[in-house]
Amino acid sequence: MNPVLGTSTLEKVVIWLPAIVVGVGIVGAVLILLGRAFADSVRDWGHPRLLAAGAVTLVAVVVVLTWLGVSLPRE
């Protein structure tokens, strides 16, 4: 018999807790690393207003398409 199948919910949480903590830590570290790299790239780029305008335009397009009820096709 598999020992995990015969355990209670609390025991399952205790078993999975180290994996969850490590996984969340890795995801957080990657997001921090990518965020810092993106911020450095934006600082070095010569046209920050163009980047801001593009970001605002992208958000506006997403909001308008959502408001209109457009959905992406699913495979």
PDB file of N, CA and C in Angstrom:
ATOM      1  N   MET A   1       0.843  -1.184   0.000  1.00  0.00           N
ATOM      2  CA  MET A   1       0.000   0.000   0.000  1.00  0.00           C
ATOM      3  C   MET A   1       0.887   1.246   0.000  1.00  0.00           C
ATOM      4  N   ASN A   2       0.472   2.220  -0.760  1.00  0.00           N
ATOM      5  CA  ASN A   2       1.196   3.478  -0.825  1.00  0.00           C
ATOM      6  C   ASN A   2       0.982   4.260   0.469  1.00  0.00           C
ATOM      7  N   PRO A   3       2.043   4.685   1.157  1.00  0.00           N
ATOM      8  CA  PRO A   3       1.853   5.374   2.433  1.00  0.00           C
ATOM      9  C   PRO A   3       1.203   6.740   2.297  1.00  0.00           C
ATOM     10  N   VAL A   4       1.305   7.378   1.141  1.00  0.00           N
ATOM     11  CA  VAL A   4       0.697   8.697   0.976  1.00  0.00           C
ATOM     12  C   VAL A   4      -0.819   8.581   0.864  1.00  0.00           C
ATOM     13  N   LEU A   5      -1.320   7.503   0.299  1.00  0.00           N
ATOM     14  CA  LEU A   5      -2.763   7.343   0.121  1.00  0.00           C
ATOM     15  C   LEU A   5      -3.492   7.135   1.443  1.00  0.00           C
ATOM     16  N   GLY A   6      -2.828   6.562   2.428  1.00  0.00           N
ATOM     17  CA  GLY A   6      -3.485   6.282   3.689  1.00  0.00           C
ATOM     18  C   GLY A   6      -3.289   7.361   4.738  1.00  0.00           C
ATOM     19  N   THR A   7      -2.884   8.545   4.345  1.00  0.00           N
ATOM     20  CA  THR A   7      -2.624   9.606   5.302  1.00  0.00           C
ATOM     21  C   THR A   7      -3.735  10.644   5.286  1.00  0.00           C
ATOM     22  N   SER A   8      -3.778  11.450   6.349  1.00  0.00           N
ATOM     23  CA  SER A   8      -4.788  12.496   6.432  1.00  0.00           C
ATOM     24  C   SER A   8      -4.347  13.713   5.619  1.00  0.00           C
ATOM     25  N   THR A   9      -5.243  14.660   5.501  1.00  0.00           N
ATOM     26  CA  THR A   9      -4.953  15.868   4.733  1.00  0.00           C
ATOM     27  C   THR A   9      -3.813  16.658   5.363  1.00  0.00           C
ATOM     28  N   LEU A  10      -3.789  16.752   6.673  1.00  0.00           N
ATOM     29  CA  LEU A  10      -2.726  17.489   7.351  1.00  0.00           C
ATOM     30  C   LEU A  10      -1.365  16.850   7.105  1.00  0.00           C
ATOM     31  N   GLU A  11      -1.315  15.538   7.116  1.00  0.00           N
ATOM     32  CA  GLU A  11      -0.055  14.850   6.851  1.00  0.00           C
ATOM     33  C   GLU A  11       0.397  15.063   5.401  1.00  0.00           C
ATOM     34  N   LYS A  12      -0.547  15.115   4.485  1.00  0.00           N
ATOM     35  CA  LYS A  12      -0.200  15.383   3.083  1.00  0.00           C
ATOM     36  C   LYS A  12       0.369  16.785   2.932  1.00  0.00           C
ATOM     37  N   VAL A  13      -0.221  17.746   3.637  1.00  0.00           N
ATOM     38  CA  VAL A  13       0.280  19.120   3.584  1.00  0.00           C
ATOM     39  C   VAL A  13       1.691  19.180   4.144  1.00  0.00           C
ATOM     40  N   VAL A  14       1.949  18.489   5.248  1.00  0.00           N
ATOM     41  CA  VAL A  14       3.279  18.479   5.850  1.00  0.00           C
ATOM     42  C   VAL A  14       4.287  17.833   4.909  1.00  0.00           C
ATOM     43  N   ILE A  15       3.868  16.814   4.188  1.00  0.00           N
ATOM     44  CA  ILE A  15       4.760  16.150   3.241  1.00  0.00           C
ATOM     45  C   ILE A  15       5.090  17.080   2.072  1.00  0.00           C
ATOM     46  N   TRP A  16       4.104  17.807   1.562  1.00  0.00           N
ATOM     47  CA  TRP A  16       4.299  18.659   0.391  1.00  0.00           C
ATOM     48  C   TRP A  16       4.848  20.040   0.724  1.00  0.00           C
ATOM     49  N   LEU A  17       4.839  20.448   1.984  1.00  0.00           N
ATOM     50  CA  LEU A  17       5.239  21.796   2.361  1.00  0.00           C
ATOM     51  C   LEU A  17       6.663  22.167   1.921  1.00  0.00           C
ATOM     52  N   PRO A  18       7.672  21.334   2.114  1.00  0.00           N
ATOM     53  CA  PRO A  18       9.007  21.729   1.636  1.00  0.00           C
ATOM     54  C   PRO A  18       9.071  21.963   0.120  1.00  0.00           C
ATOM     55  N   ALA A  19       8.386  21.137  -0.642  1.00  0.00           N
ATOM     56  CA  ALA A  19       8.384  21.311  -2.091  1.00  0.00           C
ATOM     57  C   ALA A  19       7.679  22.605  -2.491  1.00  0.00           C
ATOM     58  N   ILE A  20       6.600  22.933  -1.800  1.00  0.00           N
ATOM     59  CA  ILE A  20       5.872  24.163  -2.091  1.00  0.00           C
ATOM     60  C   ILE A  20       6.728  25.379  -1.755  1.00  0.00           C
ATOM     61  N   VAL A  21       7.392  25.349  -0.600  1.00  0.00           N
ATOM     62  CA  VAL A  21       8.237  26.479  -0.191  1.00  0.00           C
ATOM     63  C   VAL A  21       9.385  26.673  -1.172  1.00  0.00           C
ATOM     64  N   VAL A  22      10.040  25.602  -1.562  1.00  0.00           N
ATOM     65  CA  VAL A  22      11.148  25.700  -2.510  1.00  0.00           C
ATOM     66  C   VAL A  22      10.645  26.186  -3.871  1.00  0.00           C
ATOM     67  N   GLY A  23       9.518  25.673  -4.318  1.00  0.00           N
ATOM     68  CA  GLY A  23       8.963  26.095  -5.606  1.00  0.00           C
ATOM     69  C   GLY A  23       8.592  27.568  -5.625  1.00  0.00           C
ATOM     70  N   VAL A  24       7.950  28.039  -4.563  1.00  0.00           N
ATOM     71  CA  VAL A  24       7.586  29.455  -4.483  1.00  0.00           C
ATOM     72  C   VAL A  24       8.841  30.317  -4.433  1.00  0.00           C
ATOM     73  N   GLY A  25       9.862  29.858  -3.722  1.00  0.00           N
ATOM     74  CA  GLY A  25      11.122  30.603  -3.655  1.00  0.00           C
ATOM     75  C   GLY A  25      11.796  30.709  -5.006  1.00  0.00           C
ATOM     76  N   ILE A  26      11.809  29.621  -5.755  1.00  0.00           N
ATOM     77  CA  ILE A  26      12.429  29.642  -7.085  1.00  0.00           C
ATOM     78  C   ILE A  26      11.666  30.571  -8.019  1.00  0.00           C
ATOM     79  N   VAL A  27      10.345  30.490  -8.011  1.00  0.00           N
ATOM     80  CA  VAL A  27       9.538  31.365  -8.869  1.00  0.00           C
ATOM     81  C   VAL A  27       9.753  32.823  -8.482  1.00  0.00           C
ATOM     82  N   GLY A  28       9.784  33.116  -7.189  1.00  0.00           N
ATOM     83  CA  GLY A  28      10.021  34.486  -6.736  1.00  0.00           C
ATOM     84  C   GLY A  28      11.387  34.997  -7.160  1.00  0.00           C
ATOM     85  N   ALA A  29      12.406  34.161  -7.039  1.00  0.00           N
ATOM     86  CA  ALA A  29      13.757  34.571  -7.431  1.00  0.00           C
ATOM     87  C   ALA A  29      13.836  34.850  -8.926  1.00  0.00           C
ATOM     88  N   VAL A  30      13.196  34.026  -9.730  1.00  0.00           N
ATOM     89  CA  VAL A  30      13.207  34.237 -11.183  1.00  0.00           C
ATOM     90  C   VAL A  30      12.475  35.531 -11.537  1.00  0.00           C
ATOM     91  N   LEU A  31      11.339  35.794 -10.877  1.00  0.00           N
ATOM     92  CA  LEU A  31      10.600  37.029 -11.154  1.00  0.00           C
ATOM     93  C   LEU A  31      11.408  38.262 -10.756  1.00  0.00           C
ATOM     94  N   ILE A  32      12.107  38.195  -9.629  1.00  0.00           N
ATOM     95  CA  ILE A  32      12.959  39.317  -9.220  1.00  0.00           C
ATOM     96  C   ILE A  32      14.082  39.523 -10.231  1.00  0.00           C
ATOM     97  N   LEU A  33      14.717  38.440 -10.648  1.00  0.00           N
ATOM     98  CA  LEU A  33      15.811  38.543 -11.621  1.00  0.00           C
ATOM     99  C   LEU A  33      15.331  39.131 -12.943  1.00  0.00           C
ATOM    100  N   LEU A  34      14.205  38.649 -13.447  1.00  0.00           N
ATOM    101  CA  LEU A  34      13.684  39.169 -14.706  1.00  0.00           C
ATOM    102  C   LEU A  34      13.222  40.617 -14.566  1.00  0.00           C
ATOM    103  N   GLY A  35      12.641  40.963 -13.432  1.00  0.00           N
ATOM    104  CA  GLY A  35      12.210  42.342 -13.201  1.00  0.00           C
ATOM    105  C   GLY A  35      13.380  43.312 -13.170  1.00  0.00           C
ATOM    106  N   ARG A  36      14.465  42.905 -12.503  1.00  0.00           N
ATOM    107  CA  ARG A  36      15.645  43.770 -12.453  1.00  0.00           C
ATOM    108  C   ARG A  36      16.280  43.911 -13.836  1.00  0.00           C
ATOM    109  N   ALA A  37      16.321  42.832 -14.600  1.00  0.00           N
ATOM    110  CA  ALA A  37      16.875  42.898 -15.955  1.00  0.00           C
ATOM    111  C   ALA A  37      16.013  43.797 -16.840  1.00  0.00           C
ATOM    112  N   PHE A  38      14.690  43.698 -16.702  1.00  0.00           N
ATOM    113  CA  PHE A  38      13.791  44.552 -17.486  1.00  0.00           C
ATOM    114  C   PHE A  38      13.975  46.014 -17.100  1.00  0.00           C
ATOM    115  N   ALA A  39      14.065  46.297 -15.796  1.00  0.00           N
ATOM    116  CA  ALA A  39      14.257  47.676 -15.345  1.00  0.00           C
ATOM    117  C   ALA A  39      15.579  48.241 -15.861  1.00  0.00           C
ATOM    118  N   ASP A  40      16.627  47.433 -15.865  1.00  0.00           N
ATOM    119  CA  ASP A  40      17.921  47.885 -16.382  1.00  0.00           C
ATOM    120  C   ASP A  40      17.843  48.153 -17.882  1.00  0.00           C
ATOM    121  N   SER A  41      17.141  47.321 -18.604  1.00  0.00           N
ATOM    122  CA  SER A  41      16.991  47.522 -20.046  1.00  0.00           C
ATOM    123  C   SER A  41      16.205  48.798 -20.347  1.00  0.00           C
ATOM    124  N   VAL A  42      15.178  49.069 -19.548  1.00  0.00           N
ATOM    125  CA  VAL A  42      14.381  50.279 -19.757  1.00  0.00           C
ATOM    126  C   VAL A  42      15.223  51.519 -19.474  1.00  0.00           C
ATOM    127  N   ARG A  43      16.038  51.470 -18.428  1.00  0.00           N
ATOM    128  CA  ARG A  43      16.892  52.613 -18.094  1.00  0.00           C
ATOM    129  C   ARG A  43      17.908  52.895 -19.205  1.00  0.00           C
ATOM    130  N   ASP A  44      18.438  51.842 -19.818  1.00  0.00           N
ATOM    131  CA  ASP A  44      19.446  52.015 -20.864  1.00  0.00           C
ATOM    132  C   ASP A  44      18.853  52.386 -22.218  1.00  0.00           C
ATOM    133  N   TRP A  45      17.561  52.142 -22.400  1.00  0.00           N
ATOM    134  CA  TRP A  45      16.930  52.409 -23.682  1.00  0.00           C
ATOM    135  C   TRP A  45      16.726  53.909 -23.820  1.00  0.00           C
ATOM    136  N   GLY A  46      16.887  54.451 -24.988  1.00  0.00           N
ATOM    137  CA  GLY A  46      16.842  55.888 -25.194  1.00  0.00           C
ATOM    138  C   GLY A  46      15.462  56.502 -25.310  1.00  0.00           C
ATOM    139  N   HIS A  47      14.406  55.708 -25.387  1.00  0.00           N
ATOM    140  CA  HIS A  47      13.062  56.244 -25.613  1.00  0.00           C
ATOM    141  C   HIS A  47      12.070  55.729 -24.570  1.00  0.00           C
ATOM    142  N   PRO A  48      12.157  56.192 -23.333  1.00  0.00           N
ATOM    143  CA  PRO A  48      11.241  55.679 -22.306  1.00  0.00           C
ATOM    144  C   PRO A  48       9.791  56.098 -22.538  1.00  0.00           C
ATOM    145  N   ARG A  49       9.571  57.247 -23.189  1.00  0.00           N
ATOM    146  CA  ARG A  49       8.189  57.675 -23.460  1.00  0.00           C
ATOM    147  C   ARG A  49       7.520  56.742 -24.467  1.00  0.00           C
ATOM    148  N   LEU A  50       8.291  56.276 -25.439  1.00  0.00           N
ATOM    149  CA  LEU A  50       7.749  55.344 -26.425  1.00  0.00           C
ATOM    150  C   LEU A  50       7.353  54.026 -25.757  1.00  0.00           C
ATOM    151  N   LEU A  51       8.174  53.569 -24.836  1.00  0.00           N
ATOM    152  CA  LEU A  51       7.855  52.346 -24.096  1.00  0.00           C
ATOM    153  C   LEU A  51       6.592  52.532 -23.260  1.00  0.00           C
ATOM    154  N   ALA A  52       6.474  53.666 -22.578  1.00  0.00           N
ATOM    155  CA  ALA A  52       5.284  53.936 -21.767  1.00  0.00           C
ATOM    156  C   ALA A  52       4.038  54.036 -22.650  1.00  0.00           C
ATOM    157  N   ALA A  53       4.156  54.684 -23.784  1.00  0.00           N
ATOM    158  CA  ALA A  53       3.025  54.797 -24.706  1.00  0.00           C
ATOM    159  C   ALA A  53       2.600  53.428 -25.230  1.00  0.00           C
ATOM    160  N   GLY A  54       3.574  52.579 -25.537  1.00  0.00           N
ATOM    161  CA  GLY A  54       3.255  51.230 -25.999  1.00  0.00           C
ATOM    162  C   GLY A  54       2.558  50.408 -24.924  1.00  0.00           C
ATOM    163  N   ALA A  55       3.011  50.540 -23.673  1.00  0.00           N
ATOM    164  CA  ALA A  55       2.382  49.808 -22.574  1.00  0.00           C
ATOM    165  C   ALA A  55       0.947  50.287 -22.353  1.00  0.00           C
ATOM    166  N   VAL A  56       0.733  51.593 -22.379  1.00  0.00           N
ATOM    167  CA  VAL A  56      -0.616  52.140 -22.208  1.00  0.00           C
ATOM    168  C   VAL A  56      -1.515  51.705 -23.363  1.00  0.00           C
ATOM    169  N   THR A  57      -0.991  51.714 -24.568  1.00  0.00           N
ATOM    170  CA  THR A  57      -1.768  51.273 -25.733  1.00  0.00           C
ATOM    171  C   THR A  57      -2.152  49.807 -25.618  1.00  0.00           C
ATOM    172  N   LEU A  58      -1.207  48.976 -25.185  1.00  0.00           N
ATOM    173  CA  LEU A  58      -1.497  47.546 -25.028  1.00  0.00           C
ATOM    174  C   LEU A  58      -2.587  47.313 -23.991  1.00  0.00           C
ATOM    175  N   VAL A  59      -2.495  47.992 -22.858  1.00  0.00           N
ATOM    176  CA  VAL A  59      -3.524  47.851 -21.816  1.00  0.00           C
ATOM    177  C   VAL A  59      -4.867  48.332 -22.337  1.00  0.00           C
ATOM    178  N   ALA A  60      -4.882  49.440 -23.061  1.00  0.00           N
ATOM    179  CA  ALA A  60      -6.135  49.966 -23.604  1.00  0.00           C
ATOM    180  C   ALA A  60      -6.762  48.993 -24.601  1.00  0.00           C
ATOM    181  N   VAL A  61      -5.959  48.394 -25.448  1.00  0.00           N
ATOM    182  CA  VAL A  61      -6.482  47.430 -26.426  1.00  0.00           C
ATOM    183  C   VAL A  61      -7.075  46.220 -25.716  1.00  0.00           C
ATOM    184  N   VAL A  62      -6.375  45.718 -24.690  1.00  0.00           N
ATOM    185  CA  VAL A  62      -6.884  44.559 -23.948  1.00  0.00           C
ATOM    186  C   VAL A  62      -8.203  44.908 -23.258  1.00  0.00           C
ATOM    187  N   VAL A  63      -8.288  46.097 -22.654  1.00  0.00           N
ATOM    188  CA  VAL A  63      -9.517  46.506 -21.970  1.00  0.00           C
ATOM    189  C   VAL A  63     -10.665  46.643 -22.959  1.00  0.00           C
ATOM    190  N   VAL A  64     -10.428  47.270 -24.102  1.00  0.00           N
ATOM    191  CA  VAL A  64     -11.490  47.453 -25.094  1.00  0.00           C
ATOM    192  C   VAL A  64     -11.948  46.111 -25.657  1.00  0.00           C
ATOM    193  N   LEU A  65     -11.012  45.231 -25.975  1.00  0.00           N
ATOM    194  CA  LEU A  65     -11.409  43.926 -26.513  1.00  0.00           C
ATOM    195  C   LEU A  65     -12.159  43.096 -25.477  1.00  0.00           C
ATOM    196  N   THR A  66     -11.766  43.200 -24.225  1.00  0.00           N
ATOM    197  CA  THR A  66     -12.492  42.498 -23.158  1.00  0.00           C
ATOM    198  C   THR A  66     -13.889  43.068 -23.011  1.00  0.00           C
ATOM    199  N   TRP A  67     -14.013  44.381 -23.053  1.00  0.00           N
ATOM    200  CA  TRP A  67     -15.312  45.036 -22.925  1.00  0.00           C
ATOM    201  C   TRP A  67     -16.229  44.667 -24.081  1.00  0.00           C
ATOM    202  N   LEU A  68     -15.650  44.493 -25.271  1.00  0.00           N
ATOM    203  CA  LEU A  68     -16.444  44.105 -26.443  1.00  0.00           C
ATOM    204  C   LEU A  68     -16.790  42.611 -26.437  1.00  0.00           C
ATOM    205  N   GLY A  69     -16.164  41.853 -25.567  1.00  0.00           N
ATOM    206  CA  GLY A  69     -16.468  40.429 -25.479  1.00  0.00           C
ATOM    207  C   GLY A  69     -15.693  39.557 -26.439  1.00  0.00           C
ATOM    208  N   VAL A  70     -14.611  40.048 -26.973  1.00  0.00           N
ATOM    209  CA  VAL A  70     -13.788  39.266 -27.893  1.00  0.00           C
ATOM    210  C   VAL A  70     -13.002  38.248 -27.093  1.00  0.00           C
ATOM    211  N   SER A  71     -13.021  37.007 -27.550  1.00  0.00           N
ATOM    212  CA  SER A  71     -12.249  35.965 -26.870  1.00  0.00           C
ATOM    213  C   SER A  71     -11.338  35.289 -27.891  1.00  0.00           C
ATOM    214  N   LEU A  72     -10.211  34.824 -27.414  1.00  0.00           N
ATOM    215  CA  LEU A  72      -9.261  34.148 -28.285  1.00  0.00           C
ATOM    216  C   LEU A  72      -9.785  32.753 -28.636  1.00  0.00           C
ATOM    217  N   PRO A  73      -9.507  32.286 -29.852  1.00  0.00           N
ATOM    218  CA  PRO A  73      -9.954  30.926 -30.210  1.00  0.00           C
ATOM    219  C   PRO A  73      -9.179  29.886 -29.411  1.00  0.00           C
ATOM    220  N   ARG A  74      -9.869  28.832 -29.017  1.00  0.00           N
ATOM    221  CA  ARG A  74      -9.249  27.750 -28.261  1.00  0.00           C
ATOM    222  C   ARG A  74      -9.114  26.531 -29.149  1.00  0.00           C
ATOM    223  N   GLU A  75      -8.011  25.865 -28.980  1.00  0.00           N
ATOM    224  CA  GLU A  75      -7.774  24.667 -29.794  1.00  0.00           C
ATOM    225  C   GLU A  75      -8.324  23.443 -29.121  1.00  0.00           C
TER     226      GLU A  75
END
